[in-house]
Amino acid sequence: MAPTRHLFGTDGIRGTANIEPMTAETALALGQAAGLRFTRGAHRHRVVIGKDTRLSGYMLEPALTAGFIGAGMDVVLVGPLPTPAIAMLTRSLRADLGVMISASHNPFEDNGIKLFGPDGFKLSDATEAEIEAMMAADRSAQLAGPRRLGRASRLEDAQGRYIEAAKASFPRGLRLDGLRIVVDCANGAAYRVAPTVLWELGAEVIPLGVAPDGFNINRGCGSTVPEFLSAEVQRQEAHLGLALDGDADRLILCDEAGRIVDGDQVLALIARSWSESGRLVGGGVVATVMSNLGLERFLAGRGLTLHRTRVGDRYVVEQMRAERFNVGGEQSGHMILADYATTGDGLLAALQVLAVLVEQGRPASETLSLFAPLPQVLRNVRYEGAPPLAMPSVRAAIAEAEAKLAGIGRLLIRPSGTEPVVRVMAEGEDAQLVAELVAFLCERIAAAAARAPDAA
């Protein structure tokens, strides 16, 4: 029977800093186990470790380093850099493993650890399960002897390597001269590289969230607080606003009028642009079940398809690789452009949008409004005890709601993978009907949960 995952979730291991599993002890064990798992041959093995700007990174980074060194791996430390930069450097440096210490859009109290294989892609569920099993076992006999211990060094030009790679993704011959761009780096991993890339390509850059202090990552800024970006774009009379999250793998945009633009519109823009230029591979894009039906209809109107996966950018990437697509993403702002990166990269996605703005010479408000999203409502229902979705009353309510939306909308009900919550989402042409159906379903699910035999 294959081992199962308990520590790893949809995006690595995550939790509150200095509380299991985000402790130095667990990080040490993870470094040892992952180092042993990716020891493959007689060559000198290497792991790249990056992080965002959280205070707890100073605890987890040396613990992971000690674990990998004990497994016989050399460690290359690159400091604060975006998650996609770590994936890129893992391949560029021919490393056996890449590690990013970050909890993405979460507050500073949390942290996480993401692992990348030598190909720059996130590890599969099966490989993560193997590492967990090794963490739980006695590894002492497998660890390196005194002469085989690894070494740690710092790569001084890591930022420059990513900056040049990002600039190389921008179409040759185009410049950002004359554009005033607000970029909100969330006091996170991209606080140096993102403004530098935009400035070197010719833009007038107004940076926000570029003064990290270990505590202020994602606090009142970044992609999860887009109203901060919107207000500054209007105040500065900028042409466009970009908001990244703590590890810069997510992008939310804001046009010159302050209107927030989500990942679905960005996907639509890139898909159309790449299709027209002959660069789109697969005849469509990959997104998740959360993407708006309006995106699906927009693509269909251009002969393109939308392939949906479950929520999580890793699942988007898996389907892109399996079916050979080169564009995918999530409504929340993860954009995967396989021609340039192996994981979501907010800055690279922003550069593709900026290229279209420059080529068309039209305002962002016109360029980034490709379709009218259908009304969409999402609510969470918390429960105690057994999940209520299998109960007859809930199943009957779901069937009733689906019948009312048939042909004019879509219903999505799923349990959270990390907490005792049922997520209820509906979208359709009739906004009032959508809202009523979500309220109806939430009421039925909450009532069923309260009647469950093992409910508190």
Protein backbone atom coordinates (compact mmCIF):
# COMPACT_ATOMS: atom_id res chain seq x y z
CA MET A 1 0.00 0.00 0.00
CA ALA A 2 1.36 3.42 -0.99
CA PRO A 3 2.29 5.80 1.85
CA THR A 4 -0.10 8.65 2.55
CA ARG A 5 0.54 12.36 3.13
CA HIS A 6 -0.25 14.06 6.42
CA LEU A 7 2.24 16.93 6.60
CA PHE A 8 2.05 17.98 2.95
CA GLY A 9 -1.02 19.79 1.66
CA THR A 10 -1.81 21.19 -1.78
CA ASP A 11 1.15 23.59 -1.57
CA GLY A 12 3.81 21.98 0.58
CA ILE A 13 3.90 21.98 4.37
CA ARG A 14 2.35 24.98 6.10
CA GLY A 15 1.47 26.08 9.62
CA THR A 16 2.10 28.55 12.42
CA ALA A 17 5.77 29.28 12.98
CA ASN A 18 7.43 27.42 15.87
CA ILE A 19 4.40 25.17 16.30
CA GLU A 20 4.37 21.75 14.68
CA PRO A 21 4.84 21.17 11.86
CA MET A 22 6.57 24.50 11.32
CA THR A 23 9.36 23.87 13.83
CA ALA A 24 13.12 23.63 13.50
CA GLU A 25 12.91 19.95 14.44
CA THR A 26 10.54 19.14 11.59
CA ALA A 27 12.55 21.25 9.15
CA LEU A 28 15.70 19.37 10.13
CA ALA A 29 13.97 16.01 9.60
CA LEU A 30 12.56 17.19 6.28
CA GLY A 31 16.01 18.28 5.09
CA GLN A 32 17.48 14.90 6.00
CA ALA A 33 14.66 12.88 4.43
CA ALA A 34 14.37 14.94 1.24
CA GLY A 35 18.16 14.98 0.90
CA LEU A 36 18.32 11.21 1.15
CA ARG A 37 15.37 10.76 -1.20
CA PHE A 38 17.03 12.87 -3.90
CA THR A 39 20.51 11.42 -3.59
CA ARG A 40 20.91 9.76 -6.97
CA GLY A 41 24.36 8.68 -8.04
CA ALA A 42 27.96 9.47 -7.12
CA HIS A 43 28.00 13.16 -8.11
CA ARG A 44 28.18 15.98 -5.57
CA HIS A 45 24.54 16.70 -4.73
CA ARG A 46 23.14 20.20 -4.40
CA VAL A 47 19.98 21.88 -3.08
CA VAL A 48 18.89 25.50 -3.59
CA ILE A 49 17.11 27.15 -0.65
CA GLY A 50 15.21 30.44 -0.95
CA LYS A 51 12.74 32.21 1.31
CA ASP A 52 10.43 35.16 1.64
CA THR A 53 10.77 37.88 4.29
CA ARG A 54 9.08 36.31 7.33
CA LEU A 55 10.91 36.43 10.64
CA SER A 56 10.57 32.66 11.03
CA GLY A 57 12.63 32.14 7.88
CA TYR A 58 15.69 32.76 10.05
CA MET A 59 14.72 29.68 12.09
CA LEU A 60 13.68 27.34 9.28
CA GLU A 61 16.47 28.12 6.83
CA PRO A 62 19.37 26.96 9.07
CA ALA A 63 17.39 23.92 10.25
CA LEU A 64 16.78 22.81 6.67
CA THR A 65 20.41 23.57 5.84
CA ALA A 66 21.63 21.36 8.67
CA GLY A 67 19.35 18.54 7.52
CA PHE A 68 20.56 18.62 3.93
CA ILE A 69 24.21 18.90 4.96
CA GLY A 70 23.71 15.88 7.23
CA ALA A 71 22.31 13.98 4.25
CA GLY A 72 25.46 14.80 2.29
CA MET A 73 24.07 17.59 0.11
CA ASP A 74 25.70 20.93 -0.60
CA VAL A 75 23.36 23.85 0.11
CA VAL A 76 23.12 26.98 -2.03
CA LEU A 77 21.44 29.83 -0.14
CA VAL A 78 19.89 32.61 -2.22
CA GLY A 79 17.94 34.63 0.38
CA PRO A 80 14.61 36.35 -0.36
CA LEU A 81 13.48 35.54 -3.90
CA PRO A 82 10.13 34.67 -5.51
CA THR A 83 9.05 31.04 -5.55
CA PRO A 84 9.37 30.84 -9.38
CA ALA A 85 12.96 32.07 -9.07
CA ILE A 86 13.78 29.07 -6.88
CA ALA A 87 12.24 26.73 -9.45
CA MET A 88 14.26 28.44 -12.19
CA LEU A 89 17.54 28.34 -10.24
CA THR A 90 17.04 24.68 -9.37
CA ARG A 91 17.16 23.84 -13.06
CA SER A 92 19.74 26.48 -14.00
CA LEU A 93 22.22 25.31 -11.34
CA ARG A 94 21.56 21.62 -12.12
CA ALA A 95 20.54 21.13 -8.50
CA ASP A 96 18.95 17.94 -7.27
CA LEU A 97 16.31 19.77 -5.26
CA GLY A 98 14.88 23.23 -4.68
CA VAL A 99 13.27 24.55 -1.48
CA MET A 100 11.15 27.66 -0.93
CA ILE A 101 10.39 28.77 2.62
CA SER A 102 7.14 30.72 2.41
CA ALA A 103 3.47 30.68 3.35
CA SER A 104 2.57 32.66 0.23
CA HIS A 105 -0.34 35.05 0.98
CA ASN A 106 -0.68 34.10 4.67
CA PRO A 107 0.24 36.53 7.49
CA PHE A 108 3.75 36.57 8.95
CA GLU A 109 2.82 34.23 11.82
CA ASP A 110 2.58 31.36 9.34
CA ASN A 111 5.27 29.80 7.23
CA GLY A 112 5.64 26.91 4.84
CA ILE A 113 8.09 24.77 2.90
CA LYS A 114 7.68 23.93 -0.79
CA LEU A 115 9.91 21.44 -2.60
CA PHE A 116 10.89 21.36 -6.27
CA GLY A 117 12.45 18.45 -8.10
CA PRO A 118 15.53 18.76 -10.35
CA ASP A 119 13.22 19.59 -13.26
CA GLY A 120 11.93 22.67 -11.44
CA PHE A 121 8.43 21.27 -10.93
CA LYS A 122 6.72 20.76 -7.58
CA LEU A 123 6.95 17.22 -6.27
CA SER A 124 4.16 14.76 -6.91
CA ASP A 125 1.84 13.61 -4.13
CA ALA A 126 3.53 10.21 -4.22
CA THR A 127 7.03 11.62 -3.77
CA GLU A 128 5.89 13.83 -0.89
CA ALA A 129 4.36 10.76 0.75
CA GLU A 130 7.69 8.93 0.41
CA ILE A 131 9.50 11.80 2.09
CA GLU A 132 6.97 11.81 4.93
CA ALA A 133 7.50 8.10 5.45
CA MET A 134 11.27 8.64 5.61
CA MET A 135 10.80 11.45 8.14
CA ALA A 136 8.89 9.07 10.40
CA ALA A 137 11.53 6.32 10.10
CA ASP A 138 15.00 5.96 11.63
CA ARG A 139 17.38 7.64 9.17
CA SER A 140 20.54 7.59 11.28
CA ALA A 141 22.23 4.74 9.40
CA GLN A 142 21.72 6.52 6.05
CA LEU A 143 23.10 9.93 6.99
CA ALA A 144 26.48 11.07 5.69
CA GLY A 145 29.67 10.21 7.51
CA PRO A 146 32.09 12.96 8.62
CA ARG A 147 33.90 13.04 5.26
CA ARG A 148 30.70 13.11 3.20
CA LEU A 149 28.94 16.02 4.90
CA GLY A 150 27.74 18.79 2.62
CA ARG A 151 28.79 22.44 2.62
CA ALA A 152 26.75 25.64 2.57
CA SER A 153 27.45 28.66 0.37
CA ARG A 154 25.60 31.77 -0.74
CA LEU A 155 24.92 32.57 -4.39
CA GLU A 156 25.56 36.30 -4.59
CA ASP A 157 24.14 36.87 -8.09
CA ALA A 158 20.88 34.94 -7.58
CA GLN A 159 18.73 38.07 -7.87
CA GLY A 160 20.49 39.15 -11.03
CA ARG A 161 19.96 35.75 -12.64
CA TYR A 162 16.20 35.91 -12.06
CA ILE A 163 15.99 39.55 -13.17
CA GLU A 164 17.64 38.71 -16.48
CA ALA A 165 15.43 35.64 -16.97
CA ALA A 166 12.32 37.74 -16.35
CA LYS A 167 13.43 40.45 -18.78
CA ALA A 168 14.16 37.80 -21.41
CA SER A 169 10.48 36.76 -21.32
CA PHE A 170 9.44 40.24 -22.52
CA PRO A 171 9.15 40.48 -26.33
CA ARG A 172 12.36 41.67 -27.92
CA GLY A 173 12.11 45.17 -29.33
CA LEU A 174 9.37 46.32 -26.93
CA ARG A 175 9.91 48.77 -24.09
CA LEU A 176 7.83 50.10 -21.20
CA ASP A 177 8.90 53.72 -21.75
CA GLY A 178 6.14 56.16 -20.95
CA LEU A 179 4.20 53.80 -18.70
CA ARG A 180 3.68 54.65 -15.05
CA ILE A 181 3.25 51.40 -13.11
CA VAL A 182 2.42 50.86 -9.46
CA VAL A 183 3.82 47.56 -8.19
CA ASP A 184 2.82 46.25 -4.76
CA CYS A 185 5.31 43.62 -3.61
CA ALA A 186 3.46 42.78 -0.36
CA ASN A 187 6.66 43.36 1.65
CA GLY A 188 7.52 39.91 0.39
CA ALA A 189 9.99 37.95 -1.70
CA ALA A 190 9.85 40.16 -4.82
CA TYR A 191 10.44 43.46 -3.04
CA ARG A 192 13.74 44.00 -4.87
CA VAL A 193 13.46 42.11 -8.13
CA ALA A 194 10.00 43.16 -9.35
CA PRO A 195 10.57 46.95 -9.31
CA THR A 196 14.03 46.43 -10.83
CA VAL A 197 12.72 44.41 -13.79
CA LEU A 198 10.03 46.97 -14.59
CA TRP A 199 12.44 49.90 -14.26
CA GLU A 200 15.11 48.28 -16.42
CA LEU A 201 12.51 47.70 -19.13
CA GLY A 202 11.82 51.45 -19.18
CA ALA A 203 8.80 52.01 -16.92
CA GLU A 204 8.31 54.70 -14.34
CA VAL A 205 7.90 52.54 -11.26
CA ILE A 206 5.99 53.44 -8.11
CA PRO A 207 6.87 50.67 -5.60
CA LEU A 208 4.70 49.69 -2.67
CA GLY A 209 5.32 47.03 -0.03
CA VAL A 210 9.10 47.13 -0.43
CA ALA A 211 10.14 47.66 3.19
CA PRO A 212 9.91 44.22 4.83
CA ASP A 213 10.65 44.01 8.53
CA GLY A 214 9.88 40.35 9.18
CA PHE A 215 6.36 41.10 10.40
CA ASN A 216 4.62 43.10 7.67
CA ILE A 217 4.48 40.60 4.78
CA ASN A 218 0.96 40.71 3.24
CA ARG A 219 -0.18 43.10 5.98
CA GLY A 220 -2.58 45.58 4.43
CA CYS A 221 -0.96 45.12 1.03
CA GLY A 222 -0.33 42.61 -1.74
CA SER A 223 -2.67 40.60 -3.93
CA THR A 224 -5.05 39.77 -1.07
CA VAL A 225 -5.68 43.48 -0.34
CA PRO A 226 -6.14 44.87 -3.88
CA GLU A 227 -8.00 47.95 -2.67
CA PHE A 228 -4.64 49.30 -1.42
CA LEU A 229 -3.24 49.02 -4.95
CA SER A 230 -6.40 50.49 -6.47
CA ALA A 231 -6.27 53.61 -4.31
CA GLU A 232 -2.60 54.23 -5.11
CA VAL A 233 -3.07 53.73 -8.85
CA GLN A 234 -5.78 56.38 -8.87
CA ARG A 235 -3.80 58.74 -6.62
CA GLN A 236 -0.68 58.44 -8.78
CA GLU A 237 -2.66 58.53 -12.05
CA ALA A 238 -0.81 55.39 -13.11
CA HIS A 239 -1.47 53.39 -16.25
CA LEU A 240 -1.54 50.03 -14.47
CA GLY A 241 -1.15 48.47 -11.04
CA LEU A 242 0.38 45.07 -10.21
CA ALA A 243 -0.06 43.33 -6.87
CA LEU A 244 1.96 40.25 -5.97
CA ASP A 245 1.63 38.04 -2.91
CA GLY A 246 4.27 37.12 -0.34
CA ASP A 247 6.18 34.72 -2.59
CA ALA A 248 5.25 36.45 -5.87
CA ASP A 249 3.69 33.45 -7.60
CA ARG A 250 0.31 35.22 -7.73
CA LEU A 251 -0.79 38.35 -9.60
CA ILE A 252 -3.77 40.67 -9.33
CA LEU A 253 -4.00 43.70 -11.64
CA CYS A 254 -5.67 47.09 -11.42
CA ASP A 255 -6.46 49.27 -14.42
CA GLU A 256 -6.01 53.04 -14.58
CA ALA A 257 -9.54 53.61 -13.24
CA GLY A 258 -8.86 51.52 -10.12
CA ARG A 259 -10.87 48.48 -11.27
CA ILE A 260 -9.50 45.19 -9.95
CA VAL A 261 -8.71 42.57 -12.61
CA ASP A 262 -8.55 38.93 -11.52
CA GLY A 263 -6.78 35.93 -12.96
CA ASP A 264 -9.59 34.95 -15.31
CA GLN A 265 -9.25 38.18 -17.29
CA VAL A 266 -5.47 37.76 -17.39
CA LEU A 267 -5.87 34.21 -18.69
CA ALA A 268 -8.26 35.44 -21.35
CA LEU A 269 -5.87 38.17 -22.47
CA ILE A 270 -2.80 35.93 -22.67
CA ALA A 271 -4.75 33.12 -24.37
CA ARG A 272 -6.08 35.46 -27.05
CA SER A 273 -2.72 37.15 -27.58
CA TRP A 274 -0.76 33.92 -27.81
CA SER A 275 -3.41 32.31 -30.01
CA GLU A 276 -3.30 35.20 -32.46
CA SER A 277 0.49 35.08 -32.61
CA GLY A 278 0.58 31.29 -33.01
CA ARG A 279 2.26 30.70 -29.66
CA LEU A 280 -0.65 29.02 -27.82
CA VAL A 281 -0.13 25.27 -27.52
CA GLY A 282 -3.01 22.84 -26.98
CA GLY A 283 -5.82 24.91 -28.45
CA GLY A 284 -6.87 26.34 -25.09
CA VAL A 285 -5.87 26.87 -21.48
CA VAL A 286 -6.02 24.98 -18.21
CA ALA A 287 -7.79 26.52 -15.21
CA THR A 288 -9.58 25.25 -12.12
CA VAL A 289 -13.20 24.62 -11.28
CA MET A 290 -13.30 28.12 -9.74
CA SER A 291 -12.77 30.00 -13.02
CA ASN A 292 -15.79 31.97 -14.18
CA LEU A 293 -18.15 30.58 -16.80
CA GLY A 294 -17.65 33.86 -18.64
CA LEU A 295 -14.04 32.88 -19.33
CA GLU A 296 -15.14 29.54 -20.73
CA ARG A 297 -17.63 31.23 -23.06
CA PHE A 298 -15.08 33.85 -24.14
CA LEU A 299 -12.58 31.17 -25.11
CA ALA A 300 -15.22 29.06 -26.86
CA GLY A 301 -16.16 32.06 -28.97
CA ARG A 302 -12.60 32.05 -30.31
CA GLY A 303 -12.41 28.34 -30.90
CA LEU A 304 -10.41 27.72 -27.74
CA THR A 305 -11.17 25.32 -24.91
CA LEU A 306 -11.03 25.66 -21.13
CA HIS A 307 -9.87 22.53 -19.33
CA ARG A 308 -10.70 22.51 -15.62
CA THR A 309 -8.86 20.87 -12.74
CA ARG A 310 -9.42 20.82 -9.00
CA VAL A 311 -8.26 23.86 -7.04
CA GLY A 312 -4.49 24.23 -6.70
CA ASP A 313 -1.88 25.47 -9.13
CA ARG A 314 0.01 22.17 -8.86
CA TYR A 315 -2.99 20.40 -10.41
CA VAL A 316 -3.13 22.98 -13.18
CA VAL A 317 0.54 22.31 -13.92
CA GLU A 318 0.02 18.53 -13.85
CA GLN A 319 -2.70 18.73 -16.51
CA MET A 320 -0.69 21.21 -18.58
CA ARG A 321 2.21 18.76 -18.64
CA ALA A 322 0.05 15.71 -19.27
CA GLU A 323 -1.83 17.29 -22.20
CA ARG A 324 0.89 19.67 -23.43
CA PHE A 325 -0.68 23.06 -22.80
CA ASN A 326 1.56 26.09 -22.31
CA VAL A 327 -0.88 28.48 -20.58
CA GLY A 328 -2.78 27.83 -17.38
CA GLY A 329 -3.80 29.56 -14.19
CA GLU A 330 -6.27 30.26 -11.44
CA GLN A 331 -8.84 32.96 -10.87
CA SER A 332 -6.91 33.82 -7.69
CA GLY A 333 -3.94 34.97 -9.77
CA HIS A 334 -1.59 32.03 -10.22
CA MET A 335 -0.46 32.15 -13.87
CA ILE A 336 1.67 29.37 -15.32
CA LEU A 337 3.39 30.16 -18.62
CA ALA A 338 5.20 26.95 -19.51
CA ASP A 339 7.35 28.61 -22.18
CA TYR A 340 9.13 30.49 -19.41
CA ALA A 341 8.47 28.88 -16.03
CA THR A 342 7.56 25.62 -14.30
CA THR A 343 5.31 27.18 -11.68
CA GLY A 344 3.15 30.26 -11.16
CA ASP A 345 5.01 33.53 -11.72
CA GLY A 346 3.19 36.79 -11.07
CA LEU A 347 5.90 39.00 -12.56
CA LEU A 348 6.19 37.04 -15.82
CA ALA A 349 2.42 37.11 -16.23
CA ALA A 350 2.41 40.87 -15.66
CA LEU A 351 5.06 41.30 -18.35
CA GLN A 352 2.89 39.45 -20.87
CA VAL A 353 -0.01 41.77 -20.06
CA LEU A 354 2.24 44.81 -20.38
CA ALA A 355 3.45 43.59 -23.76
CA VAL A 356 -0.15 43.60 -25.03
CA LEU A 357 -0.71 47.10 -23.59
CA VAL A 358 2.38 48.39 -25.40
CA GLU A 359 1.51 46.68 -28.69
CA GLN A 360 -2.10 47.88 -28.72
CA GLY A 361 -1.51 51.34 -27.28
CA ARG A 362 -4.88 51.25 -25.53
CA PRO A 363 -5.73 51.92 -21.85
CA ALA A 364 -5.68 48.99 -19.46
CA SER A 365 -9.41 49.46 -18.79
CA GLU A 366 -10.12 48.56 -22.42
CA THR A 367 -7.45 45.91 -22.86
CA LEU A 368 -8.22 44.00 -19.67
CA SER A 369 -12.00 43.86 -19.97
CA LEU A 370 -12.42 40.97 -22.37
CA PHE A 371 -15.62 39.43 -21.04
CA ALA A 372 -18.36 40.17 -18.53
CA PRO A 373 -18.06 37.68 -15.66
CA LEU A 374 -21.24 35.88 -14.72
CA PRO A 375 -22.46 36.67 -11.19
CA GLN A 376 -20.62 34.35 -8.84
CA VAL A 377 -21.19 33.85 -5.10
CA LEU A 378 -18.91 31.86 -2.79
CA ARG A 379 -19.63 31.11 0.87
CA ASN A 380 -18.12 28.78 3.45
CA VAL A 381 -20.03 26.61 5.91
CA ARG A 382 -18.07 25.42 8.93
CA TYR A 383 -19.02 22.14 10.55
CA GLU A 384 -17.99 19.89 13.43
CA GLY A 385 -17.84 16.13 13.27
CA ALA A 386 -18.47 14.19 10.09
CA PRO A 387 -18.59 16.05 6.74
CA PRO A 388 -22.29 16.63 5.90
CA LEU A 389 -22.10 16.39 2.10
CA ALA A 390 -23.10 12.73 1.97
CA MET A 391 -26.26 13.22 4.04
CA PRO A 392 -29.52 12.64 2.09
CA SER A 393 -30.97 16.07 2.86
CA VAL A 394 -27.83 17.78 1.53
CA ARG A 395 -27.70 15.64 -1.58
CA ALA A 396 -31.34 16.41 -2.30
CA ALA A 397 -30.75 20.15 -1.87
CA ILE A 398 -27.76 20.02 -4.24
CA ALA A 399 -29.81 18.18 -6.85
CA GLU A 400 -32.58 20.78 -6.56
CA ALA A 401 -30.13 23.65 -6.99
CA GLU A 402 -28.42 22.01 -9.97
CA ALA A 403 -31.77 21.58 -11.69
CA LYS A 404 -32.54 25.29 -11.31
CA LEU A 405 -29.15 26.26 -12.79
CA ALA A 406 -29.24 23.78 -15.66
CA GLY A 407 -28.22 25.51 -18.88
CA ILE A 408 -27.84 28.96 -17.29
CA GLY A 409 -25.16 28.49 -14.66
CA ARG A 410 -22.93 26.23 -12.63
CA LEU A 411 -22.75 24.88 -9.09
CA LEU A 412 -19.61 23.80 -7.25
CA ILE A 413 -19.65 22.37 -3.74
CA ARG A 414 -16.47 20.96 -2.26
CA PRO A 415 -14.93 20.31 1.16
CA SER A 416 -11.81 22.25 2.07
CA GLY A 417 -8.66 20.21 2.09
CA THR A 418 -7.23 21.99 5.12
CA GLU A 419 -10.08 22.82 7.51
CA PRO A 420 -13.61 21.60 8.45
CA VAL A 421 -15.35 23.81 5.92
CA VAL A 422 -17.64 23.18 2.96
CA ARG A 423 -17.22 25.70 0.17
CA VAL A 424 -20.40 26.54 -1.74
CA MET A 425 -20.07 28.36 -5.05
CA ALA A 426 -22.71 29.12 -7.66
CA GLU A 427 -22.65 31.26 -10.76
CA GLY A 428 -25.18 32.01 -13.43
CA GLU A 429 -26.88 34.58 -15.59
CA ASP A 430 -29.43 35.48 -12.88
CA ALA A 431 -27.61 37.15 -9.97
CA GLN A 432 -30.62 36.95 -7.64
CA LEU A 433 -31.11 33.25 -8.32
CA VAL A 434 -27.41 32.57 -7.69
CA ALA A 435 -27.48 34.36 -4.34
CA GLU A 436 -30.69 32.61 -3.30
CA LEU A 437 -29.35 29.17 -4.19
CA VAL A 438 -26.10 29.68 -2.27
CA ALA A 439 -28.04 30.86 0.79
CA PHE A 440 -30.41 27.88 0.47
CA LEU A 441 -27.57 25.36 0.22
CA CYS A 442 -25.58 26.88 3.08
CA GLU A 443 -28.66 26.70 5.29
CA ARG A 444 -29.29 23.04 4.39
CA ILE A 445 -25.63 22.07 4.91
CA ALA A 446 -25.45 23.85 8.27
CA ALA A 447 -28.69 22.21 9.42
CA ALA A 448 -27.50 18.75 8.36
CA ALA A 449 -24.15 19.28 10.12
CA ALA A 450 -25.95 20.24 13.34
CA ARG A 451 -28.00 17.03 13.19
CA ALA A 452 -25.01 14.78 12.46
CA PRO A 453 -24.58 12.02 15.12
CA ASP A 454 -21.04 13.07 16.04
CA ALA A 455 -21.59 16.83 15.84
CA ALA A 456 -20.54 18.69 18.97
